Amino acid sequence: LPWSAESLAREVSMSRSAFVDRFTTLIGVPPIR
């Protein structure tokens, strides 16, 4: 699927910036990477 940080954030009901920060903190890389 044509995922973006914004579409993934929508998928989990978060704002884009909060999602990217939380994902990067937990996983160690940004979601698109």
PDB file of all heavy atoms in Angstrom:
ATOM      1  N   LEU A   1       0.835  -1.205   0.000  1.00  0.00           N
ATOM      2  CA  LEU A   1       0.000   0.000   0.000  1.00  0.00           C
ATOM      3  C   LEU A   1       0.869   1.254   0.000  1.00  0.00           C
ATOM      4  O   LEU A   1       1.995   1.234   0.505  1.00  0.00           O
ATOM      5  CB  LEU A   1      -0.925   0.009   1.224  1.00  0.00           C
ATOM      6  CG  LEU A   1      -2.040  -1.038   1.228  1.00  0.00           C
ATOM      7  CD1 LEU A   1      -2.893  -0.890   2.491  1.00  0.00           C
ATOM      8  CD2 LEU A   1      -2.923  -0.900  -0.003  1.00  0.00           C
ATOM      9  N   PRO A   2       0.341   2.336  -0.537  1.00  0.00           N
ATOM     10  CA  PRO A   2       1.123   3.584  -0.588  1.00  0.00           C
ATOM     11  C   PRO A   2       1.140   4.306   0.766  1.00  0.00           C
ATOM     12  O   PRO A   2       0.582   5.393   0.928  1.00  0.00           O
ATOM     13  CB  PRO A   2       0.405   4.407  -1.661  1.00  0.00           C
ATOM     14  CG  PRO A   2      -1.018   3.928  -1.589  1.00  0.00           C
ATOM     15  CD  PRO A   2      -0.937   2.458  -1.226  1.00  0.00           C
ATOM     16  N   TRP A   3       1.777   3.703   1.749  1.00  0.00           N
ATOM     17  CA  TRP A   3       1.822   4.256   3.092  1.00  0.00           C
ATOM     18  C   TRP A   3       2.612   5.552   3.132  1.00  0.00           C
ATOM     19  O   TRP A   3       3.604   5.707   2.438  1.00  0.00           O
ATOM     20  CB  TRP A   3       2.467   3.277   4.072  1.00  0.00           C
ATOM     21  CG  TRP A   3       1.688   2.034   4.329  1.00  0.00           C
ATOM     22  CD1 TRP A   3       2.065   0.763   3.997  1.00  0.00           C
ATOM     23  CD2 TRP A   3       0.430   1.914   4.975  1.00  0.00           C
ATOM     24  NE1 TRP A   3       1.104  -0.134   4.394  1.00  0.00           N
ATOM     25  CE2 TRP A   3       0.093   0.549   5.002  1.00  0.00           C
ATOM     26  CE3 TRP A   3      -0.452   2.832   5.539  1.00  0.00           C
ATOM     27  CZ2 TRP A   3      -1.081   0.074   5.571  1.00  0.00           C
ATOM     28  CZ3 TRP A   3      -1.627   2.363   6.100  1.00  0.00           C
ATOM     29  CH2 TRP A   3      -1.928   0.999   6.118  1.00  0.00           C
ATOM     30  N   SER A   4       2.186   6.437   3.994  1.00  0.00           N
ATOM     31  CA  SER A   4       2.942   7.641   4.342  1.00  0.00           C
ATOM     32  C   SER A   4       2.885   7.733   5.857  1.00  0.00           C
ATOM     33  O   SER A   4       2.095   7.033   6.504  1.00  0.00           O
ATOM     34  CB  SER A   4       2.298   8.888   3.711  1.00  0.00           C
ATOM     35  OG  SER A   4       1.014   9.107   4.265  1.00  0.00           O
ATOM     36  N   ALA A   5       3.700   8.599   6.424  1.00  0.00           N
ATOM     37  CA  ALA A   5       3.641   8.782   7.878  1.00  0.00           C
ATOM     38  C   ALA A   5       2.238   9.237   8.282  1.00  0.00           C
ATOM     39  O   ALA A   5       1.688   8.800   9.296  1.00  0.00           O
ATOM     40  CB  ALA A   5       4.696   9.782   8.330  1.00  0.00           C
ATOM     41  N   GLU A   6       1.652  10.085   7.464  1.00  0.00           N
ATOM     42  CA  GLU A   6       0.312  10.594   7.767  1.00  0.00           C
ATOM     43  C   GLU A   6      -0.737   9.484   7.691  1.00  0.00           C
ATOM     44  O   GLU A   6      -1.595   9.371   8.576  1.00  0.00           O
ATOM     45  CB  GLU A   6      -0.050  11.721   6.806  1.00  0.00           C
ATOM     46  CG  GLU A   6      -1.319  12.437   7.200  1.00  0.00           C
ATOM     47  CD  GLU A   6      -1.512  13.725   6.418  1.00  0.00           C
ATOM     48  OE1 GLU A   6      -0.534  14.467   6.264  1.00  0.00           O
ATOM     49  OE2 GLU A   6      -2.651  13.952   5.989  1.00  0.00           O
ATOM     50  N   SER A   7      -0.688   8.635   6.677  1.00  0.00           N
ATOM     51  CA  SER A   7      -1.702   7.572   6.562  1.00  0.00           C
ATOM     52  C   SER A   7      -1.537   6.526   7.665  1.00  0.00           C
ATOM     53  O   SER A   7      -2.522   6.004   8.180  1.00  0.00           O
ATOM     54  CB  SER A   7      -1.664   6.921   5.177  1.00  0.00           C
ATOM     55  OG  SER A   7      -0.454   6.235   4.954  1.00  0.00           O
ATOM     56  N   LEU A   8      -0.303   6.232   8.051  1.00  0.00           N
ATOM     57  CA  LEU A   8      -0.077   5.310   9.168  1.00  0.00           C
ATOM     58  C   LEU A   8      -0.588   5.917  10.476  1.00  0.00           C
ATOM     59  O   LEU A   8      -1.201   5.223  11.287  1.00  0.00           O
ATOM     60  CB  LEU A   8       1.399   4.951   9.284  1.00  0.00           C
ATOM     61  CG  LEU A   8       1.918   3.961   8.242  1.00  0.00           C
ATOM     62  CD1 LEU A   8       3.437   3.946   8.215  1.00  0.00           C
ATOM     63  CD2 LEU A   8       1.370   2.560   8.503  1.00  0.00           C
ATOM     64  N   ALA A   9      -0.347   7.197  10.669  1.00  0.00           N
ATOM     65  CA  ALA A   9      -0.835   7.880  11.874  1.00  0.00           C
ATOM     66  C   ALA A   9      -2.363   7.835  11.924  1.00  0.00           C
ATOM     67  O   ALA A   9      -2.952   7.564  12.979  1.00  0.00           O
ATOM     68  CB  ALA A   9      -0.341   9.322  11.910  1.00  0.00           C
ATOM     69  N   ARG A  10      -3.012   8.091  10.778  1.00  0.00           N
ATOM     70  CA  ARG A  10      -4.480   8.003  10.723  1.00  0.00           C
ATOM     71  C   ARG A  10      -4.955   6.594  11.049  1.00  0.00           C
ATOM     72  O   ARG A  10      -5.958   6.409  11.740  1.00  0.00           O
ATOM     73  CB  ARG A  10      -4.973   8.385   9.324  1.00  0.00           C
ATOM     74  CG  ARG A  10      -5.428   9.809   9.188  1.00  0.00           C
ATOM     75  CD  ARG A  10      -6.242  10.065   7.927  1.00  0.00           C
ATOM     76  NE  ARG A  10      -5.726   9.429   6.724  1.00  0.00           N
ATOM     77  CZ  ARG A  10      -4.807   9.962   5.917  1.00  0.00           C
ATOM     78  NH1 ARG A  10      -4.300  11.143   6.184  1.00  0.00           N
ATOM     79  NH2 ARG A  10      -4.408   9.324   4.846  1.00  0.00           N
ATOM     80  N   GLU A  11      -4.222   5.606  10.551  1.00  0.00           N
ATOM     81  CA  GLU A  11      -4.576   4.198  10.779  1.00  0.00           C
ATOM     82  C   GLU A  11      -4.656   3.868  12.270  1.00  0.00           C
ATOM     83  O   GLU A  11      -5.441   3.032  12.685  1.00  0.00           O
ATOM     84  CB  GLU A  11      -3.522   3.318  10.087  1.00  0.00           C
ATOM     85  CG  GLU A  11      -3.778   1.854  10.137  1.00  0.00           C
ATOM     86  CD  GLU A  11      -4.759   1.369   9.080  1.00  0.00           C
ATOM     87  OE1 GLU A  11      -5.158   2.147   8.195  1.00  0.00           O
ATOM     88  OE2 GLU A  11      -5.137   0.195   9.168  1.00  0.00           O
ATOM     89  N   VAL A  12      -3.823   4.523  13.073  1.00  0.00           N
ATOM     90  CA  VAL A  12      -3.779   4.234  14.509  1.00  0.00           C
ATOM     91  C   VAL A  12      -4.323   5.389  15.358  1.00  0.00           C
ATOM     92  O   VAL A  12      -4.100   5.445  16.563  1.00  0.00           O
ATOM     93  CB  VAL A  12      -2.349   3.848  14.965  1.00  0.00           C
ATOM     94  CG1 VAL A  12      -1.896   2.583  14.254  1.00  0.00           C
ATOM     95  CG2 VAL A  12      -1.356   4.979  14.747  1.00  0.00           C
ATOM     96  N   SER A  13      -5.022   6.300  14.706  1.00  0.00           N
ATOM     97  CA  SER A  13      -5.696   7.419  15.378  1.00  0.00           C
ATOM     98  C   SER A  13      -4.740   8.287  16.195  1.00  0.00           C
ATOM     99  O   SER A  13      -4.961   8.551  17.382  1.00  0.00           O
ATOM    100  CB  SER A  13      -6.833   6.905  16.279  1.00  0.00           C
ATOM    101  OG  SER A  13      -7.732   6.125  15.542  1.00  0.00           O
ATOM    102  N   MET A  14      -3.668   8.713  15.542  1.00  0.00           N
ATOM    103  CA  MET A  14      -2.709   9.626  16.182  1.00  0.00           C
ATOM    104  C   MET A  14      -2.431  10.783  15.235  1.00  0.00           C
ATOM    105  O   MET A  14      -2.632  10.663  14.024  1.00  0.00           O
ATOM    106  CB  MET A  14      -1.380   8.905  16.478  1.00  0.00           C
ATOM    107  CG  MET A  14      -1.453   7.834  17.542  1.00  0.00           C
ATOM    108  SD  MET A  14       0.169   7.042  17.811  1.00  0.00           S
ATOM    109  CE  MET A  14       1.046   8.350  18.689  1.00  0.00           C
ATOM    110  N   SER A  15      -1.911  11.867  15.800  1.00  0.00           N
ATOM    111  CA  SER A  15      -1.441  12.947  14.935  1.00  0.00           C
ATOM    112  C   SER A  15      -0.145  12.480  14.280  1.00  0.00           C
ATOM    113  O   SER A  15       0.565  11.615  14.811  1.00  0.00           O
ATOM    114  CB  SER A  15      -1.199  14.221  15.741  1.00  0.00           C
ATOM    115  OG  SER A  15      -0.012  14.089  16.517  1.00  0.00           O
ATOM    116  N   ARG A  16       0.150  13.044  13.132  1.00  0.00           N
ATOM    117  CA  ARG A  16       1.348  12.652  12.398  1.00  0.00           C
ATOM    118  C   ARG A  16       2.609  12.843  13.230  1.00  0.00           C
ATOM    119  O   ARG A  16       3.448  11.953  13.344  1.00  0.00           O
ATOM    120  CB  ARG A  16       1.455  13.446  11.089  1.00  0.00           C
ATOM    121  CG  ARG A  16       2.628  13.031  10.235  1.00  0.00           C
ATOM    122  CD  ARG A  16       2.920  14.074   9.123  1.00  0.00           C
ATOM    123  NE  ARG A  16       4.183  13.833   8.503  1.00  0.00           N
ATOM    124  CZ  ARG A  16       5.376  14.043   9.047  1.00  0.00           C
ATOM    125  NH1 ARG A  16       5.466  14.506  10.279  1.00  0.00           N
ATOM    126  NH2 ARG A  16       6.494  13.792   8.405  1.00  0.00           N
ATOM    127  N   SER A  17       2.758  14.010  13.844  1.00  0.00           N
ATOM    128  CA  SER A  17       3.987  14.303  14.591  1.00  0.00           C
ATOM    129  C   SER A  17       4.124  13.403  15.819  1.00  0.00           C
ATOM    130  O   SER A  17       5.215  12.890  16.107  1.00  0.00           O
ATOM    131  CB  SER A  17       4.067  15.774  14.974  1.00  0.00           C
ATOM    132  OG  SER A  17       2.963  16.131  15.782  1.00  0.00           O
ATOM    133  N   ALA A  18       3.028  13.181  16.538  1.00  0.00           N
ATOM    134  CA  ALA A  18       3.089  12.303  17.713  1.00  0.00           C
ATOM    135  C   ALA A  18       3.411  10.874  17.286  1.00  0.00           C
ATOM    136  O   ALA A  18       4.196  10.173  17.942  1.00  0.00           O
ATOM    137  CB  ALA A  18       1.772  12.345  18.477  1.00  0.00           C
ATOM    138  N   PHE A  19       2.816  10.435  16.181  1.00  0.00           N
ATOM    139  CA  PHE A  19       3.081   9.086  15.675  1.00  0.00           C
ATOM    140  C   PHE A  19       4.553   8.916  15.289  1.00  0.00           C
ATOM    141  O   PHE A  19       5.201   7.948  15.695  1.00  0.00           O
ATOM    142  CB  PHE A  19       2.179   8.785  14.473  1.00  0.00           C
ATOM    143  CG  PHE A  19       2.542   7.514  13.769  1.00  0.00           C
ATOM    144  CD1 PHE A  19       2.253   6.280  14.345  1.00  0.00           C
ATOM    145  CD2 PHE A  19       3.173   7.542  12.536  1.00  0.00           C
ATOM    146  CE1 PHE A  19       2.602   5.094  13.697  1.00  0.00           C
ATOM    147  CE2 PHE A  19       3.526   6.371  11.879  1.00  0.00           C
ATOM    148  CZ  PHE A  19       3.241   5.140  12.469  1.00  0.00           C
ATOM    149  N   VAL A  20       5.077   9.856  14.515  1.00  0.00           N
ATOM    150  CA  VAL A  20       6.477   9.761  14.073  1.00  0.00           C
ATOM    151  C   VAL A  20       7.415   9.758  15.275  1.00  0.00           C
ATOM    152  O   VAL A  20       8.349   8.948  15.339  1.00  0.00           O
ATOM    153  CB  VAL A  20       6.833  10.894  13.079  1.00  0.00           C
ATOM    154  CG1 VAL A  20       8.328  10.958  12.815  1.00  0.00           C
ATOM    155  CG2 VAL A  20       6.075  10.706  11.767  1.00  0.00           C
ATOM    156  N   ASP A  21       7.168  10.628  16.250  1.00  0.00           N
ATOM    157  CA  ASP A  21       8.016  10.673  17.448  1.00  0.00           C
ATOM    158  C   ASP A  21       7.968   9.350  18.217  1.00  0.00           C
ATOM    159  O   ASP A  21       9.006   8.803  18.603  1.00  0.00           O
ATOM    160  CB  ASP A  21       7.588  11.818  18.378  1.00  0.00           C
ATOM    161  CG  ASP A  21       7.946  13.186  17.828  1.00  0.00           C
ATOM    162  OD1 ASP A  21       8.758  13.265  16.883  1.00  0.00           O
ATOM    163  OD2 ASP A  21       7.402  14.182  18.352  1.00  0.00           O
ATOM    164  N   ARG A  22       6.762   8.852  18.456  1.00  0.00           N
ATOM    165  CA  ARG A  22       6.605   7.611  19.229  1.00  0.00           C
ATOM    166  C   ARG A  22       7.192   6.412  18.487  1.00  0.00           C
ATOM    167  O   ARG A  22       7.874   5.579  19.079  1.00  0.00           O
ATOM    168  CB  ARG A  22       5.123   7.390  19.507  1.00  0.00           C
ATOM    169  CG  ARG A  22       4.810   6.311  20.489  1.00  0.00           C
ATOM    170  CD  ARG A  22       3.418   6.594  20.980  1.00  0.00           C
ATOM    171  NE  ARG A  22       2.740   5.520  21.619  1.00  0.00           N
ATOM    172  CZ  ARG A  22       1.499   5.609  22.049  1.00  0.00           C
ATOM    173  NH1 ARG A  22       0.817   6.723  21.868  1.00  0.00           N
ATOM    174  NH2 ARG A  22       0.926   4.613  22.654  1.00  0.00           N
ATOM    175  N   PHE A  23       6.931   6.320  17.182  1.00  0.00           N
ATOM    176  CA  PHE A  23       7.452   5.227  16.363  1.00  0.00           C
ATOM    177  C   PHE A  23       8.983   5.246  16.392  1.00  0.00           C
ATOM    178  O   PHE A  23       9.624   4.216  16.634  1.00  0.00           O
ATOM    179  CB  PHE A  23       6.943   5.358  14.920  1.00  0.00           C
ATOM    180  CG  PHE A  23       7.204   4.152  14.057  1.00  0.00           C
ATOM    181  CD1 PHE A  23       6.184   3.251  13.808  1.00  0.00           C
ATOM    182  CD2 PHE A  23       8.445   3.928  13.479  1.00  0.00           C
ATOM    183  CE1 PHE A  23       6.402   2.138  13.008  1.00  0.00           C
ATOM    184  CE2 PHE A  23       8.687   2.820  12.688  1.00  0.00           C
ATOM    185  CZ  PHE A  23       7.650   1.916  12.446  1.00  0.00           C
ATOM    186  N   THR A  24       9.560   6.401  16.152  1.00  0.00           N
ATOM    187  CA  THR A  24      11.018   6.536  16.107  1.00  0.00           C
ATOM    188  C   THR A  24      11.644   6.207  17.455  1.00  0.00           C
ATOM    189  O   THR A  24      12.677   5.531  17.514  1.00  0.00           O
ATOM    190  CB  THR A  24      11.407   7.955  15.648  1.00  0.00           C
ATOM    191  OG1 THR A  24      10.782   8.213  14.384  1.00  0.00           O
ATOM    192  CG2 THR A  24      12.908   8.104  15.513  1.00  0.00           C
ATOM    193  N   THR A  25      11.021   6.653  18.531  1.00  0.00           N
ATOM    194  CA  THR A  25      11.534   6.360  19.874  1.00  0.00           C
ATOM    195  C   THR A  25      11.516   4.861  20.148  1.00  0.00           C
ATOM    196  O   THR A  25      12.493   4.298  20.654  1.00  0.00           O
ATOM    197  CB  THR A  25      10.711   7.105  20.941  1.00  0.00           C
ATOM    198  OG1 THR A  25      10.833   8.508  20.705  1.00  0.00           O
ATOM    199  CG2 THR A  25      11.186   6.768  22.342  1.00  0.00           C
ATOM    200  N   LEU A  26      10.426   4.204  19.814  1.00  0.00           N
ATOM    201  CA  LEU A  26      10.280   2.784  20.127  1.00  0.00           C
ATOM    202  C   LEU A  26      11.055   1.876  19.168  1.00  0.00           C
ATOM    203  O   LEU A  26      11.700   0.920  19.590  1.00  0.00           O
ATOM    204  CB  LEU A  26       8.801   2.386  20.125  1.00  0.00           C
ATOM    205  CG  LEU A  26       7.967   2.968  21.257  1.00  0.00           C
ATOM    206  CD1 LEU A  26       6.495   2.640  21.071  1.00  0.00           C
ATOM    207  CD2 LEU A  26       8.459   2.465  22.604  1.00  0.00           C
ATOM    208  N   ILE A  27      10.985   2.159  17.883  1.00  0.00           N
ATOM    209  CA  ILE A  27      11.570   1.276  16.873  1.00  0.00           C
ATOM    210  C   ILE A  27      13.028   1.628  16.599  1.00  0.00           C
ATOM    211  O   ILE A  27      13.829   0.764  16.265  1.00  0.00           O
ATOM    212  CB  ILE A  27      10.747   1.322  15.558  1.00  0.00           C
ATOM    213  CG1 ILE A  27       9.288   0.969  15.826  1.00  0.00           C
ATOM    214  CG2 ILE A  27      11.338   0.412  14.492  1.00  0.00           C
ATOM    215  CD1 ILE A  27       9.053  -0.415  16.359  1.00  0.00           C
ATOM    216  N   GLY A  28      13.365   2.878  16.739  1.00  0.00           N
ATOM    217  CA  GLY A  28      14.754   3.289  16.512  1.00  0.00           C
ATOM    218  C   GLY A  28      14.996   3.922  15.160  1.00  0.00           C
ATOM    219  O   GLY A  28      16.084   4.430  14.898  1.00  0.00           O
ATOM    220  N   VAL A  29      14.004   3.872  14.284  1.00  0.00           N
ATOM    221  CA  VAL A  29      14.080   4.530  12.976  1.00  0.00           C
ATOM    222  C   VAL A  29      12.707   5.134  12.683  1.00  0.00           C
ATOM    223  O   VAL A  29      11.696   4.653  13.193  1.00  0.00           O
ATOM    224  CB  VAL A  29      14.480   3.561  11.829  1.00  0.00           C
ATOM    225  CG1 VAL A  29      15.887   3.040  12.003  1.00  0.00           C
ATOM    226  CG2 VAL A  29      13.498   2.415  11.686  1.00  0.00           C
ATOM    227  N   PRO A  30      12.653   6.171  11.844  1.00  0.00           N
ATOM    228  CA  PRO A  30      11.357   6.748  11.491  1.00  0.00           C
ATOM    229  C   PRO A  30      10.496   5.740  10.712  1.00  0.00           C
ATOM    230  O   PRO A  30      11.025   4.809  10.096  1.00  0.00           O
ATOM    231  CB  PRO A  30      11.724   7.947  10.603  1.00  0.00           C
ATOM    232  CG  PRO A  30      13.160   8.220  10.886  1.00  0.00           C
ATOM    233  CD  PRO A  30      13.782   6.913  11.286  1.00  0.00           C
ATOM    234  N   PRO A  31       9.177   5.935  10.728  1.00  0.00           N
ATOM    235  CA  PRO A  31       8.295   4.956  10.099  1.00  0.00           C
ATOM    236  C   PRO A  31       8.555   4.727   8.611  1.00  0.00           C
ATOM    237  O   PRO A  31       8.489   3.587   8.139  1.00  0.00           O
ATOM    238  CB  PRO A  31       6.887   5.519  10.334  1.00  0.00           C
ATOM    239  CG  PRO A  31       7.062   6.884  10.877  1.00  0.00           C
ATOM    240  CD  PRO A  31       8.439   7.019  11.376  1.00  0.00           C
ATOM    241  N   ILE A  32       8.863   5.753   7.868  1.00  0.00           N
ATOM    242  CA  ILE A  32       9.067   5.564   6.429  1.00  0.00           C
ATOM    243  C   ILE A  32      10.377   4.835   6.158  1.00  0.00           C
ATOM    244  O   ILE A  32      10.471   4.014   5.244  1.00  0.00           O
ATOM    245  CB  ILE A  32       8.973   6.911   5.676  1.00  0.00           C
ATOM    246  CG1 ILE A  32       7.570   7.513   5.877  1.00  0.00           C
ATOM    247  CG2 ILE A  32       9.276   6.752   4.195  1.00  0.00           C
ATOM    248  CD1 ILE A  32       6.394   6.579   5.558  1.00  0.00           C
ATOM    249  N   ARG A  33      11.376   5.058   6.983  1.00  0.00           N
ATOM    250  CA  ARG A  33      12.623   4.288   6.849  1.00  0.00           C
ATOM    251  C   ARG A  33      12.360   2.817   7.168  1.00  0.00           C
ATOM    252  O   ARG A  33      12.840   1.918   6.471  1.00  0.00           O
ATOM    253  CB  ARG A  33      13.702   4.861   7.772  1.00  0.00           C
ATOM    254  CG  ARG A  33      14.982   4.079   7.797  1.00  0.00           C
ATOM    255  CD  ARG A  33      15.721   4.174   6.465  1.00  0.00           C
ATOM    256  NE  ARG A  33      16.916   3.350   6.513  1.00  0.00           N
ATOM    257  CZ  ARG A  33      17.320   2.568   5.515  1.00  0.00           C
ATOM    258  NH1 ARG A  33      16.676   2.550   4.385  1.00  0.00           N
ATOM    259  NH2 ARG A  33      18.395   1.833   5.643  1.00  0.00           N
TER     260      ARG A  33
END
